[in-house]
């Protein structure tokens, strides 16, 4: 089970955007709104959940799509939607660039304590590695398996599904 805390003192709280992971065993991560259909609404995330949520959000942000911070994001989704991913090596390249940018942005924010305050080590990313991926043209989906490590030494592999935006 992912370590969690109910002592929120000194932590900035994020609302859950990704489906909550109760048992961390290489699970797919889906938007939480799909999970809220029971009417439960959002919950608070901390620790590894918060790290993964921040990372996935940055990884899947199109560069130029954030007003007042056009440099935020990467080309991963843009290239997927445009059909530019023609080989495994190009997918790995585009993913690694987007992942690197996401990790660097998170580290910058984590070290910018004057603006964001100081976060505990279990909410600070140190590395994200592409472990595996699955290309499924029949469903126009790519599943990206990413191992994330925190400054506290926790590691977890998440599977983030990305729809290619191609109607079938």
Protein backbone atom coordinates (compact mmCIF):
# COMPACT_ATOMS: atom_id res chain seq x y z
CA UNK A 1 0.00 0.00 0.00
CA UNK A 2 1.21 3.52 -0.73
CA UNK A 3 2.21 5.31 2.44
CA UNK A 4 -0.29 8.01 3.27
CA UNK A 5 -0.85 10.50 6.01
CA UNK A 6 -3.81 12.12 7.68
CA UNK A 7 -1.59 14.79 9.26
CA UNK A 8 -1.82 17.56 6.67
CA UNK A 9 0.11 20.13 8.73
CA UNK A 10 2.72 21.86 6.59
CA UNK A 11 1.43 20.30 3.37
CA UNK A 12 -0.21 21.99 0.43
CA UNK A 13 -3.29 20.00 -0.47
CA UNK A 14 -4.26 19.02 -4.02
CA UNK A 15 -7.64 17.82 -5.16
CA UNK A 16 -7.72 14.37 -6.72
CA UNK A 17 -7.62 14.59 -10.52
CA UNK A 18 -6.54 11.00 -11.19
CA UNK A 19 -8.33 7.89 -10.02
CA UNK A 20 -7.18 6.99 -6.50
CA UNK A 21 -4.82 4.03 -6.24
CA UNK A 22 -5.57 1.94 -3.16
CA UNK A 23 -3.11 -0.88 -3.84
CA UNK A 24 -0.04 0.17 -5.82
CA UNK A 25 0.39 -2.70 -8.26
CA UNK A 26 1.09 -1.33 -11.74
CA UNK A 27 -2.33 0.21 -12.15
CA UNK A 28 -3.68 2.28 -15.00
CA UNK A 29 -4.37 5.87 -14.06
CA UNK A 30 -7.64 7.38 -15.28
CA UNK A 31 -9.18 10.80 -14.70
CA UNK A 32 -10.88 10.88 -11.31
CA UNK A 33 -14.07 12.34 -12.75
CA UNK A 34 -14.80 8.90 -14.21
CA UNK A 35 -14.33 7.53 -10.70
CA UNK A 36 -16.70 10.11 -9.15
CA UNK A 37 -19.78 8.85 -10.96
CA UNK A 38 -20.99 7.47 -7.64
CA UNK A 39 -21.42 11.08 -6.46
CA UNK A 40 -18.56 10.91 -3.97
CA UNK A 41 -16.80 13.94 -5.42
CA UNK A 42 -13.09 14.72 -5.22
CA UNK A 43 -10.81 13.92 -2.34
CA UNK A 44 -7.45 15.24 -1.18
CA UNK A 45 -4.20 13.69 -2.35
CA UNK A 46 -0.77 13.81 -0.75
CA UNK A 47 2.48 11.86 -0.97
CA UNK A 48 3.04 9.60 -3.97
CA UNK A 49 -0.52 10.23 -5.25
CA UNK A 50 0.25 13.94 -5.43
CA UNK A 51 3.60 13.37 -7.18
CA UNK A 52 2.01 11.13 -9.82
CA UNK A 53 -0.87 13.54 -10.36
CA UNK A 54 1.47 16.51 -10.85
CA UNK A 55 3.72 14.50 -13.16
CA UNK A 56 0.89 13.11 -15.31
CA UNK A 57 -0.68 16.54 -15.63
CA UNK A 58 2.60 18.08 -16.84
CA UNK A 59 3.46 15.11 -19.07
CA UNK A 60 0.09 15.30 -20.82
CA UNK A 61 0.02 19.09 -21.23
CA UNK A 62 0.46 20.35 -24.78
CA UNK A 63 3.18 22.95 -25.07
CA UNK A 64 1.68 26.39 -25.63
CA UNK A 65 -1.71 25.43 -24.17
CA UNK A 66 -1.29 27.10 -20.76
CA UNK A 67 -2.07 30.79 -20.90
CA UNK A 68 0.69 32.93 -19.35
CA UNK A 69 3.09 29.94 -19.34
CA UNK A 70 3.33 28.83 -22.96
CA UNK A 71 6.64 27.03 -22.30
CA UNK A 72 4.90 24.53 -19.99
CA UNK A 73 4.30 21.06 -21.42
CA UNK A 74 5.66 19.03 -24.26
CA UNK A 75 5.04 17.62 -27.71
CA UNK A 76 4.00 14.10 -26.65
CA UNK A 77 0.23 14.44 -27.12
CA UNK A 78 0.61 16.78 -30.09
CA UNK A 79 2.77 14.25 -31.93
CA UNK A 80 0.46 11.38 -30.99
CA UNK A 81 -2.63 13.24 -32.25
CA UNK A 82 -0.92 14.24 -35.49
CA UNK A 83 0.12 10.65 -36.19
CA UNK A 84 3.83 11.45 -36.02
CA UNK A 85 4.59 8.42 -33.84
CA UNK A 86 5.71 6.02 -36.56
CA UNK A 87 8.30 4.05 -34.60
CA UNK A 88 9.06 2.88 -31.10
CA UNK A 89 12.28 4.88 -31.04
CA UNK A 90 10.46 8.12 -31.87
CA UNK A 91 7.85 7.44 -29.18
CA UNK A 92 10.65 6.88 -26.66
CA UNK A 93 12.38 10.09 -27.77
CA UNK A 94 9.27 12.27 -27.57
CA UNK A 95 8.24 10.70 -24.25
CA UNK A 96 11.71 11.21 -22.74
CA UNK A 97 11.78 14.89 -23.74
CA UNK A 98 8.28 15.50 -22.30
CA UNK A 99 9.10 13.50 -19.16
CA UNK A 100 12.37 15.37 -18.63
CA UNK A 101 10.55 18.70 -18.95
CA UNK A 102 7.87 17.59 -16.47
CA UNK A 103 10.42 16.41 -13.90
CA UNK A 104 12.50 19.58 -14.27
CA UNK A 105 9.41 21.78 -13.79
CA UNK A 106 8.39 19.81 -10.69
CA UNK A 107 11.90 20.06 -9.22
CA UNK A 108 11.98 23.79 -9.93
CA UNK A 109 8.62 24.27 -8.20
CA UNK A 110 9.67 22.06 -5.27
CA UNK A 111 12.82 24.16 -4.77
CA UNK A 112 10.93 27.44 -5.13
CA UNK A 113 9.90 27.49 -1.47
CA UNK A 114 9.35 31.27 -1.42
CA UNK A 115 6.34 30.79 -3.71
CA UNK A 116 5.11 27.25 -3.00
CA UNK A 117 6.35 26.57 0.52
CA UNK A 118 8.37 23.56 1.54
CA UNK A 119 6.94 20.13 0.75
CA UNK A 120 7.86 16.87 2.46
CA UNK A 121 10.24 14.52 0.62
CA UNK A 122 7.43 12.08 -0.23
CA UNK A 123 5.92 14.83 -2.42
CA UNK A 124 9.13 15.68 -4.31
CA UNK A 125 10.05 13.81 -7.48
CA UNK A 126 13.63 12.78 -8.18
CA UNK A 127 13.18 10.71 -11.32
CA UNK A 128 10.66 9.31 -13.80
CA UNK A 129 11.68 6.44 -16.05
CA UNK A 130 9.93 4.90 -19.02
CA UNK A 131 9.68 1.24 -18.04
CA UNK A 132 7.54 -0.04 -20.88
CA UNK A 133 4.78 1.01 -23.26
CA UNK A 134 2.08 -0.59 -25.33
CA UNK A 135 0.90 0.74 -28.69
CA UNK A 136 -2.63 -0.40 -29.48
CA UNK A 137 -3.64 0.92 -32.90
CA UNK A 138 -6.93 -1.03 -32.82
CA UNK A 139 -8.12 1.12 -29.90
CA UNK A 140 -6.00 4.19 -30.78
CA UNK A 141 -4.39 4.00 -27.33
CA UNK A 142 -0.87 4.11 -25.97
CA UNK A 143 -0.22 2.84 -22.45
CA UNK A 144 2.91 4.40 -20.95
CA UNK A 145 4.43 2.56 -17.97
CA UNK A 146 6.37 5.08 -15.86
CA UNK A 147 8.37 4.39 -12.72
CA UNK A 148 8.39 7.42 -10.46
CA UNK A 149 10.78 7.91 -7.57
CA UNK A 150 10.41 10.45 -4.76
CA UNK A 151 13.09 12.12 -2.68
CA UNK A 152 11.87 9.92 0.21
CA UNK A 153 13.03 6.88 -1.82
CA UNK A 154 9.56 5.58 -2.67
CA UNK A 155 9.17 4.10 -6.15
CA UNK A 156 6.01 3.17 -7.97
CA UNK A 157 5.13 2.24 -11.54
CA UNK A 158 2.00 3.80 -13.01
CA UNK A 159 0.38 3.04 -16.34
CA UNK A 160 -0.99 6.17 -17.99
CA UNK A 161 -3.33 5.53 -20.94
CA UNK A 162 -3.22 8.09 -23.75
CA UNK A 163 -5.93 8.16 -26.41
CA UNK A 164 -4.55 8.98 -29.83
CA UNK A 165 -7.57 11.05 -30.79
CA UNK A 166 -8.12 9.07 -33.97
CA UNK A 167 -11.71 8.02 -34.57
CA UNK A 168 -12.11 4.40 -35.55
